[in-house]
Amino acid sequence: MMWLSLLLSMAAFADGSLPTLAPSGQEQALQPVSCTDPVAGVWKGSENGSRSQYHYTVTVSRTGQALSGTIEVHHWHGNSATPPPCVPASGGTEVFVTQPAIGTWDGHNFDFQATRIGHLNRTCGAPRGYTPDHIWGPMVTESVVSAISDDGKNGAESVRLVRVSCG
């Protein structure tokens, strides 16, 4: 499945079409905002898998084509019907991660990569490593990015980012 998402995304770049991603419940509630800067602002989105949940808050500042900011992630094991906090006895894990990030903007494509783990707070579960996130993809509208999130460890997944604030 992850390779299909990645291939669809790569195909989108090759022929100009964009992949269609179904928004999750969280994303349906987000109200996109228009901003004077094409990419700066606060973006939110989530990956809702059958075994893991990832909720992203991506804060972006731009100088020319250079981007800087943070990627914040709230991750827990469970499906969308299993909200946090997790129960440690069930073998679940829940973490909050803040990562400084840098990237580029070419006028259409967003590429933002964490440089390191800035802060990791594990509220439950066994200690495990966390690999810095990399989020990239094309703008679908002025307030939506059809992105791929890849931590370099668990594979690439589709995530729809919605801009919720200009700064």
N, C-alpha and C. Protein backbone atom coordinates (compact mmCIF):
# COMPACT_ATOMS: atom_id res chain seq x y z
N MET A 1 0.82 -1.19 0.00
CA MET A 1 0.00 0.00 0.00
C MET A 1 0.86 1.25 0.00
N MET A 2 1.91 1.29 0.85
CA MET A 2 2.74 2.49 0.90
C MET A 2 3.41 2.74 -0.44
N TRP A 3 3.84 1.67 -1.14
CA TRP A 3 4.48 1.86 -2.43
C TRP A 3 3.49 2.36 -3.46
N LEU A 4 2.24 1.93 -3.36
CA LEU A 4 1.22 2.43 -4.27
C LEU A 4 1.04 3.93 -4.07
N SER A 5 0.97 4.39 -2.81
CA SER A 5 0.85 5.82 -2.53
C SER A 5 2.04 6.58 -3.10
N LEU A 6 3.23 6.04 -2.89
CA LEU A 6 4.43 6.70 -3.38
C LEU A 6 4.44 6.74 -4.90
N LEU A 7 4.08 5.63 -5.55
CA LEU A 7 4.05 5.59 -7.01
C LEU A 7 3.01 6.56 -7.56
N LEU A 8 1.82 6.62 -6.94
CA LEU A 8 0.81 7.57 -7.37
C LEU A 8 1.32 8.99 -7.26
N SER A 9 2.01 9.29 -6.19
CA SER A 9 2.56 10.63 -6.00
C SER A 9 3.61 10.94 -7.06
N MET A 10 4.49 9.98 -7.32
CA MET A 10 5.52 10.19 -8.32
C MET A 10 4.90 10.33 -9.70
N ALA A 11 3.84 9.55 -9.97
CA ALA A 11 3.14 9.67 -11.24
C ALA A 11 2.52 11.05 -11.37
N ALA A 12 2.05 11.60 -10.26
CA ALA A 12 1.45 12.92 -10.28
C ALA A 12 2.48 13.96 -10.73
N PHE A 13 3.70 13.84 -10.28
CA PHE A 13 4.71 14.79 -10.68
C PHE A 13 5.02 14.64 -12.17
N ALA A 14 5.00 13.42 -12.69
CA ALA A 14 5.38 13.17 -14.07
C ALA A 14 4.35 13.69 -15.06
N ASP A 15 3.05 13.51 -14.80
CA ASP A 15 2.05 13.90 -15.79
C ASP A 15 1.25 15.15 -15.41
N GLY A 16 1.56 15.73 -14.26
CA GLY A 16 0.90 16.97 -13.86
C GLY A 16 -0.38 16.77 -13.07
N SER A 17 -0.91 15.56 -13.03
CA SER A 17 -2.13 15.32 -12.25
C SER A 17 -1.75 15.14 -10.79
N LEU A 18 -2.74 15.28 -9.92
CA LEU A 18 -2.49 15.18 -8.49
C LEU A 18 -3.26 14.01 -7.89
N PRO A 19 -2.67 13.29 -6.93
CA PRO A 19 -3.40 12.21 -6.29
C PRO A 19 -4.54 12.76 -5.45
N THR A 20 -5.59 11.98 -5.33
CA THR A 20 -6.72 12.36 -4.50
C THR A 20 -6.62 11.61 -3.18
N LEU A 21 -6.64 12.34 -2.09
CA LEU A 21 -6.55 11.75 -0.77
C LEU A 21 -7.84 12.01 -0.03
N ALA A 22 -8.43 10.98 0.54
CA ALA A 22 -9.64 11.16 1.33
C ALA A 22 -9.28 11.76 2.67
N PRO A 23 -9.91 12.88 3.04
CA PRO A 23 -9.58 13.48 4.33
C PRO A 23 -10.09 12.66 5.49
N SER A 24 -9.33 12.66 6.58
CA SER A 24 -9.75 11.97 7.80
C SER A 24 -10.76 12.84 8.52
N GLY A 25 -11.31 12.34 9.61
CA GLY A 25 -12.26 13.11 10.41
C GLY A 25 -11.65 14.40 10.90
N GLN A 26 -10.40 14.37 11.35
CA GLN A 26 -9.73 15.57 11.84
C GLN A 26 -9.60 16.58 10.70
N GLU A 27 -9.18 16.14 9.53
CA GLU A 27 -8.97 17.05 8.42
C GLU A 27 -10.27 17.64 7.91
N GLN A 28 -11.37 16.87 7.96
CA GLN A 28 -12.65 17.40 7.52
C GLN A 28 -13.05 18.59 8.37
N ALA A 29 -12.66 18.60 9.65
CA ALA A 29 -13.03 19.68 10.56
C ALA A 29 -12.13 20.90 10.39
N LEU A 30 -10.97 20.77 9.76
CA LEU A 30 -10.05 21.89 9.59
C LEU A 30 -10.56 22.84 8.53
N GLN A 31 -10.50 24.12 8.83
CA GLN A 31 -10.92 25.14 7.88
C GLN A 31 -9.68 25.77 7.25
N PRO A 32 -9.45 25.54 5.95
CA PRO A 32 -8.28 26.11 5.30
C PRO A 32 -8.37 27.64 5.25
N VAL A 33 -7.22 28.29 5.37
CA VAL A 33 -7.17 29.74 5.28
C VAL A 33 -6.27 30.15 4.11
N SER A 34 -6.59 31.30 3.52
CA SER A 34 -5.77 31.88 2.46
C SER A 34 -4.82 32.88 3.08
N CYS A 35 -3.58 32.92 2.60
CA CYS A 35 -2.57 33.80 3.15
C CYS A 35 -1.85 34.52 2.00
N THR A 36 -1.22 35.64 2.30
CA THR A 36 -0.47 36.35 1.27
C THR A 36 0.77 35.58 0.84
N ASP A 37 1.42 34.89 1.78
CA ASP A 37 2.57 34.06 1.43
C ASP A 37 2.06 32.70 0.96
N PRO A 38 2.60 32.17 -0.13
CA PRO A 38 2.07 30.92 -0.68
C PRO A 38 2.31 29.67 0.16
N VAL A 39 3.28 29.69 1.10
CA VAL A 39 3.58 28.46 1.83
C VAL A 39 3.76 28.67 3.34
N ALA A 40 4.06 29.88 3.78
CA ALA A 40 4.28 30.12 5.21
C ALA A 40 2.98 29.96 5.98
N GLY A 41 3.09 29.49 7.22
CA GLY A 41 1.92 29.36 8.07
C GLY A 41 1.97 28.08 8.88
N VAL A 42 0.83 27.75 9.47
CA VAL A 42 0.67 26.53 10.27
C VAL A 42 -0.21 25.58 9.48
N TRP A 43 0.29 24.38 9.25
CA TRP A 43 -0.38 23.34 8.48
C TRP A 43 -0.68 22.17 9.40
N LYS A 44 -1.85 21.54 9.24
CA LYS A 44 -2.20 20.37 10.05
C LYS A 44 -2.70 19.25 9.14
N GLY A 45 -2.45 18.02 9.59
CA GLY A 45 -2.92 16.85 8.86
C GLY A 45 -2.67 15.61 9.67
N SER A 46 -3.13 14.46 9.15
CA SER A 46 -2.94 13.22 9.87
C SER A 46 -2.87 12.03 8.94
N GLU A 47 -2.17 10.99 9.42
CA GLU A 47 -2.18 9.66 8.80
C GLU A 47 -2.99 8.79 9.74
N ASN A 48 -4.02 8.18 9.23
CA ASN A 48 -4.86 7.32 10.06
C ASN A 48 -4.80 5.91 9.52
N GLY A 49 -3.83 5.15 10.02
CA GLY A 49 -3.68 3.77 9.59
C GLY A 49 -4.49 2.83 10.45
N SER A 50 -4.46 1.57 10.11
CA SER A 50 -5.21 0.59 10.87
C SER A 50 -4.54 0.26 12.20
N ARG A 51 -3.22 0.54 12.31
CA ARG A 51 -2.51 0.23 13.55
C ARG A 51 -1.82 1.42 14.20
N SER A 52 -1.65 2.51 13.47
CA SER A 52 -0.95 3.68 14.00
C SER A 52 -1.62 4.96 13.54
N GLN A 53 -1.55 5.97 14.40
CA GLN A 53 -2.09 7.29 14.11
C GLN A 53 -0.97 8.32 14.22
N TYR A 54 -0.90 9.24 13.28
CA TYR A 54 0.06 10.33 13.31
C TYR A 54 -0.70 11.62 13.04
N HIS A 55 -0.63 12.56 13.97
CA HIS A 55 -1.23 13.87 13.77
C HIS A 55 -0.10 14.89 13.70
N TYR A 56 -0.08 15.66 12.61
CA TYR A 56 1.01 16.60 12.34
C TYR A 56 0.56 18.04 12.52
N THR A 57 1.46 18.86 13.08
CA THR A 57 1.36 20.31 13.03
C THR A 57 2.69 20.78 12.47
N VAL A 58 2.65 21.39 11.29
CA VAL A 58 3.86 21.82 10.59
C VAL A 58 3.83 23.35 10.52
N THR A 59 4.82 23.99 11.15
CA THR A 59 4.92 25.44 11.17
C THR A 59 6.05 25.86 10.24
N VAL A 60 5.72 26.71 9.25
CA VAL A 60 6.66 27.04 8.18
C VAL A 60 6.85 28.55 8.07
N SER A 61 8.12 28.98 8.02
CA SER A 61 8.50 30.35 7.65
C SER A 61 9.26 30.25 6.35
N ARG A 62 9.19 31.32 5.53
CA ARG A 62 9.85 31.27 4.22
C ARG A 62 10.67 32.53 4.00
N THR A 63 11.89 32.33 3.46
CA THR A 63 12.73 33.41 2.96
C THR A 63 13.14 32.99 1.56
N GLY A 64 12.58 33.63 0.54
CA GLY A 64 12.84 33.20 -0.84
C GLY A 64 12.28 31.80 -1.03
N GLN A 65 13.14 30.88 -1.49
CA GLN A 65 12.72 29.49 -1.65
C GLN A 65 13.07 28.64 -0.44
N ALA A 66 13.78 29.20 0.55
CA ALA A 66 14.20 28.45 1.73
C ALA A 66 13.11 28.46 2.80
N LEU A 67 12.85 27.29 3.35
CA LEU A 67 11.85 27.13 4.41
C LEU A 67 12.54 26.76 5.72
N SER A 68 11.94 27.17 6.83
CA SER A 68 12.40 26.75 8.15
C SER A 68 11.20 26.69 9.06
N GLY A 69 11.33 25.96 10.17
CA GLY A 69 10.23 25.85 11.12
C GLY A 69 10.30 24.57 11.92
N THR A 70 9.14 24.01 12.22
CA THR A 70 9.07 22.78 13.03
C THR A 70 8.05 21.81 12.46
N ILE A 71 8.30 20.54 12.75
CA ILE A 71 7.32 19.47 12.52
C ILE A 71 7.01 18.89 13.89
N GLU A 72 5.76 19.01 14.32
CA GLU A 72 5.33 18.43 15.59
C GLU A 72 4.43 17.25 15.26
N VAL A 73 4.67 16.14 15.95
CA VAL A 73 3.92 14.92 15.69
C VAL A 73 3.37 14.36 17.00
N HIS A 74 2.10 13.98 16.97
CA HIS A 74 1.48 13.21 18.06
C HIS A 74 1.19 11.84 17.46
N HIS A 75 1.87 10.83 17.98
CA HIS A 75 1.77 9.47 17.42
C HIS A 75 1.30 8.51 18.51
N TRP A 76 0.39 7.61 18.15
CA TRP A 76 0.02 6.53 19.06
C TRP A 76 -0.37 5.31 18.26
N HIS A 77 -0.24 4.16 18.91
CA HIS A 77 -0.66 2.90 18.29
C HIS A 77 -2.14 2.71 18.52
N GLY A 78 -2.82 2.34 17.48
CA GLY A 78 -4.25 2.11 17.52
C GLY A 78 -4.87 2.62 16.23
N ASN A 79 -6.14 2.32 16.04
CA ASN A 79 -6.83 2.82 14.85
C ASN A 79 -7.57 4.10 15.20
N SER A 80 -8.28 4.67 14.23
CA SER A 80 -8.95 5.95 14.46
C SER A 80 -10.04 5.84 15.53
N ALA A 81 -10.49 4.63 15.84
CA ALA A 81 -11.49 4.44 16.89
C ALA A 81 -10.83 4.26 18.26
N THR A 82 -9.49 4.25 18.30
CA THR A 82 -8.75 4.09 19.55
C THR A 82 -8.05 5.41 19.86
N PRO A 83 -8.74 6.34 20.48
CA PRO A 83 -8.10 7.63 20.74
C PRO A 83 -7.08 7.54 21.87
N PRO A 84 -6.10 8.45 21.89
CA PRO A 84 -5.16 8.48 23.01
C PRO A 84 -5.89 8.95 24.26
N PRO A 85 -5.36 8.80 25.46
CA PRO A 85 -4.06 8.21 25.71
C PRO A 85 -4.13 6.69 25.65
N CYS A 86 -3.03 6.10 25.32
CA CYS A 86 -2.98 4.65 25.21
C CYS A 86 -2.88 4.01 26.60
N VAL A 87 -3.11 2.76 26.63
CA VAL A 87 -3.01 1.99 27.87
C VAL A 87 -1.72 1.18 27.79
N PRO A 88 -0.70 1.49 28.61
CA PRO A 88 0.58 0.79 28.51
C PRO A 88 0.45 -0.72 28.62
N ALA A 89 -0.47 -1.21 29.43
CA ALA A 89 -0.63 -2.65 29.60
C ALA A 89 -1.05 -3.33 28.30
N SER A 90 -1.65 -2.56 27.37
CA SER A 90 -2.09 -3.14 26.11
C SER A 90 -0.96 -3.23 25.09
N GLY A 91 0.23 -2.75 25.46
CA GLY A 91 1.36 -2.77 24.53
C GLY A 91 1.40 -1.55 23.64
N GLY A 92 0.54 -0.58 23.90
CA GLY A 92 0.48 0.62 23.08
C GLY A 92 1.61 1.59 23.37
N THR A 93 1.77 2.54 22.48
CA THR A 93 2.76 3.60 22.62
C THR A 93 2.11 4.91 22.26
N GLU A 94 2.49 5.97 22.96
CA GLU A 94 2.05 7.31 22.62
C GLU A 94 3.22 8.25 22.82
N VAL A 95 3.53 9.07 21.79
CA VAL A 95 4.63 10.02 21.88
C VAL A 95 4.23 11.36 21.28
N PHE A 96 4.85 12.41 21.79
CA PHE A 96 4.78 13.75 21.24
C PHE A 96 6.20 14.13 20.84
N VAL A 97 6.40 14.54 19.58
CA VAL A 97 7.73 14.83 19.07
C VAL A 97 7.74 16.22 18.44
N THR A 98 8.75 17.01 18.79
CA THR A 98 8.98 18.31 18.15
C THR A 98 10.32 18.25 17.44
N GLN A 99 10.32 18.64 16.14
CA GLN A 99 11.52 18.53 15.32
C GLN A 99 11.77 19.83 14.58
N PRO A 100 12.93 20.47 14.75
CA PRO A 100 13.25 21.60 13.89
C PRO A 100 13.39 21.09 12.46
N ALA A 101 12.99 21.92 11.48
CA ALA A 101 13.00 21.46 10.09
C ALA A 101 13.42 22.58 9.14
N ILE A 102 13.95 22.17 8.01
CA ILE A 102 14.30 23.08 6.92
C ILE A 102 13.80 22.47 5.62
N GLY A 103 13.72 23.31 4.60
CA GLY A 103 13.27 22.77 3.33
C GLY A 103 13.30 23.80 2.23
N THR A 104 12.59 23.45 1.14
CA THR A 104 12.55 24.33 -0.03
C THR A 104 11.13 24.41 -0.57
N TRP A 105 10.90 25.48 -1.32
CA TRP A 105 9.62 25.74 -1.98
C TRP A 105 9.96 26.24 -3.38
N ASP A 106 9.49 25.54 -4.41
CA ASP A 106 9.84 25.94 -5.78
C ASP A 106 8.68 26.64 -6.50
N GLY A 107 7.69 27.05 -5.76
CA GLY A 107 6.52 27.70 -6.37
C GLY A 107 5.35 26.75 -6.53
N HIS A 108 5.59 25.45 -6.42
CA HIS A 108 4.52 24.46 -6.51
C HIS A 108 4.74 23.29 -5.55
N ASN A 109 5.98 22.88 -5.36
CA ASN A 109 6.28 21.71 -4.53
C ASN A 109 6.88 22.12 -3.19
N PHE A 110 6.40 21.46 -2.16
CA PHE A 110 6.77 21.69 -0.77
C PHE A 110 7.68 20.54 -0.35
N ASP A 111 8.85 20.84 0.23
CA ASP A 111 9.78 19.80 0.69
C ASP A 111 10.34 20.25 2.03
N PHE A 112 10.01 19.54 3.10
CA PHE A 112 10.33 19.96 4.46
C PHE A 112 10.86 18.76 5.23
N GLN A 113 12.08 18.88 5.77
CA GLN A 113 12.70 17.74 6.43
C GLN A 113 13.22 18.14 7.81
N ALA A 114 12.88 17.31 8.80
CA ALA A 114 13.39 17.53 10.15
C ALA A 114 14.89 17.33 10.16
N THR A 115 15.59 18.21 10.88
CA THR A 115 17.05 18.11 10.97
C THR A 115 17.49 17.24 12.13
N ARG A 116 16.61 17.10 13.15
CA ARG A 116 16.91 16.28 14.32
C ARG A 116 15.64 16.19 15.17
N ILE A 117 15.70 15.37 16.21
CA ILE A 117 14.62 15.32 17.20
C ILE A 117 14.93 16.40 18.22
N GLY A 118 14.07 17.40 18.32
CA GLY A 118 14.28 18.47 19.28
C GLY A 118 13.79 18.09 20.66
N HIS A 119 12.63 17.47 20.72
CA HIS A 119 12.04 17.06 22.01
C HIS A 119 11.14 15.86 21.75
N LEU A 120 11.25 14.85 22.60
CA LEU A 120 10.40 13.67 22.51
C LEU A 120 9.84 13.40 23.90
N ASN A 121 8.52 13.35 24.00
CA ASN A 121 7.86 13.05 25.26
C ASN A 121 7.02 11.80 25.07
N ARG A 122 7.46 10.70 25.68
CA ARG A 122 6.73 9.43 25.59
C ARG A 122 5.81 9.34 26.80
N THR A 123 4.49 9.36 26.55
CA THR A 123 3.55 9.30 27.66
C THR A 123 3.27 7.87 28.10
N CYS A 124 3.47 6.91 27.21
CA CYS A 124 3.36 5.50 27.60
C CYS A 124 4.01 4.63 26.54
N GLY A 125 4.24 3.39 26.90
CA GLY A 125 4.83 2.44 25.96
C GLY A 125 6.32 2.26 26.17
N ALA A 126 6.84 1.23 25.55
CA ALA A 126 8.25 0.89 25.67
C ALA A 126 9.11 1.93 24.94
N PRO A 127 10.27 2.25 25.48
CA PRO A 127 11.16 3.19 24.78
C PRO A 127 11.55 2.64 23.42
N ARG A 128 11.40 3.45 22.41
CA ARG A 128 11.79 3.11 21.05
C ARG A 128 12.38 4.36 20.43
N GLY A 129 13.17 4.19 19.42
CA GLY A 129 13.72 5.34 18.71
C GLY A 129 12.66 6.02 17.87
N TYR A 130 12.92 7.22 17.48
CA TYR A 130 12.04 7.95 16.56
C TYR A 130 12.94 8.56 15.50
N THR A 131 12.62 8.31 14.24
CA THR A 131 13.42 8.81 13.13
C THR A 131 12.83 10.14 12.66
N PRO A 132 13.64 11.16 12.43
CA PRO A 132 13.13 12.45 11.97
C PRO A 132 12.27 12.33 10.71
N ASP A 133 11.22 13.14 10.66
CA ASP A 133 10.26 13.09 9.56
C ASP A 133 10.71 13.91 8.35
N HIS A 134 10.22 13.52 7.18
CA HIS A 134 10.42 14.23 5.92
C HIS A 134 9.06 14.29 5.24
N ILE A 135 8.59 15.49 4.97
CA ILE A 135 7.27 15.68 4.36
C ILE A 135 7.46 16.46 3.06
N TRP A 136 6.92 15.94 1.97
CA TRP A 136 7.05 16.63 0.69
C TRP A 136 5.84 16.35 -0.20
N GLY A 137 5.60 17.25 -1.14
CA GLY A 137 4.52 17.04 -2.09
C GLY A 137 4.08 18.34 -2.73
N PRO A 138 3.18 18.23 -3.72
CA PRO A 138 2.71 19.41 -4.44
C PRO A 138 1.56 20.11 -3.71
N MET A 139 1.42 21.40 -3.97
CA MET A 139 0.26 22.15 -3.50
C MET A 139 -0.93 21.75 -4.37
N VAL A 140 -2.05 21.45 -3.75
CA VAL A 140 -3.27 21.11 -4.49
C VAL A 140 -4.08 22.39 -4.68
N THR A 141 -4.19 23.17 -3.62
CA THR A 141 -4.79 24.51 -3.67
C THR A 141 -3.87 25.41 -2.86
N GLU A 142 -4.21 26.67 -2.73
CA GLU A 142 -3.34 27.57 -1.96
C GLU A 142 -3.29 27.21 -0.48
N SER A 143 -4.17 26.34 -0.01
CA SER A 143 -4.18 25.99 1.41
C SER A 143 -4.14 24.49 1.68
N VAL A 144 -3.84 23.67 0.67
CA VAL A 144 -3.78 22.21 0.85
C VAL A 144 -2.56 21.66 0.12
N VAL A 145 -1.78 20.84 0.84
CA VAL A 145 -0.64 20.12 0.26
C VAL A 145 -0.98 18.64 0.25
N SER A 146 -0.87 18.00 -0.91
CA SER A 146 -1.03 16.56 -1.02
C SER A 146 0.35 15.95 -0.84
N ALA A 147 0.67 15.59 0.40
CA ALA A 147 2.05 15.27 0.75
C ALA A 147 2.29 13.78 0.99
N ILE A 148 3.56 13.46 1.02
CA ILE A 148 4.05 12.15 1.44
C ILE A 148 4.87 12.39 2.70
N SER A 149 4.63 11.59 3.72
CA SER A 149 5.41 11.65 4.95
C SER A 149 6.25 10.39 5.02
N ASP A 150 7.54 10.58 5.25
CA ASP A 150 8.44 9.43 5.30
C ASP A 150 9.46 9.65 6.41
N ASP A 151 9.50 8.73 7.35
CA ASP A 151 10.50 8.85 8.42
C ASP A 151 11.75 8.04 8.10
N GLY A 152 11.83 7.48 6.89
CA GLY A 152 13.00 6.72 6.51
C GLY A 152 13.09 5.35 7.14
N LYS A 153 12.09 5.01 7.95
CA LYS A 153 12.13 3.75 8.69
C LYS A 153 10.89 2.90 8.43
N ASN A 154 9.72 3.52 8.51
CA ASN A 154 8.46 2.78 8.40
C ASN A 154 7.80 2.92 7.04
N GLY A 155 8.42 3.61 6.11
CA GLY A 155 7.87 3.74 4.78
C GLY A 155 7.09 5.03 4.59
N ALA A 156 6.81 5.34 3.35
CA ALA A 156 6.13 6.57 2.98
C ALA A 156 4.62 6.39 3.05
N GLU A 157 3.94 7.39 3.56
CA GLU A 157 2.48 7.38 3.66
C GLU A 157 1.93 8.72 3.19
N SER A 158 0.72 8.71 2.65
CA SER A 158 0.06 9.93 2.22
C SER A 158 -0.47 10.70 3.41
N VAL A 159 -0.32 12.00 3.37
CA VAL A 159 -0.90 12.88 4.39
C VAL A 159 -1.35 14.16 3.70
N ARG A 160 -2.54 14.58 3.99
CA ARG A 160 -3.10 15.81 3.43
C ARG A 160 -2.92 16.90 4.48
N LEU A 161 -2.12 17.92 4.15
CA LEU A 161 -1.88 19.03 5.07
C LEU A 161 -2.78 20.19 4.68
N VAL A 162 -3.45 20.78 5.66
CA VAL A 162 -4.33 21.92 5.46
C VAL A 162 -3.75 23.11 6.23
N ARG A 163 -3.61 24.25 5.56
CA ARG A 163 -3.11 25.44 6.25
C ARG A 163 -4.25 26.02 7.08
N VAL A 164 -4.00 26.16 8.39
CA VAL A 164 -5.03 26.62 9.32
C VAL A 164 -4.74 28.01 9.88
N SER A 165 -3.53 28.51 9.63
CA SER A 165 -3.15 29.83 10.12
C SER A 165 -2.04 30.38 9.24
N CYS A 166 -2.00 31.70 9.11
CA CYS A 166 -0.96 32.33 8.27
C CYS A 166 0.34 32.56 9.02
N GLY A 167 0.35 32.43 10.31
CA GLY A 167 1.61 32.70 11.00
C GLY A 167 1.65 32.21 12.40
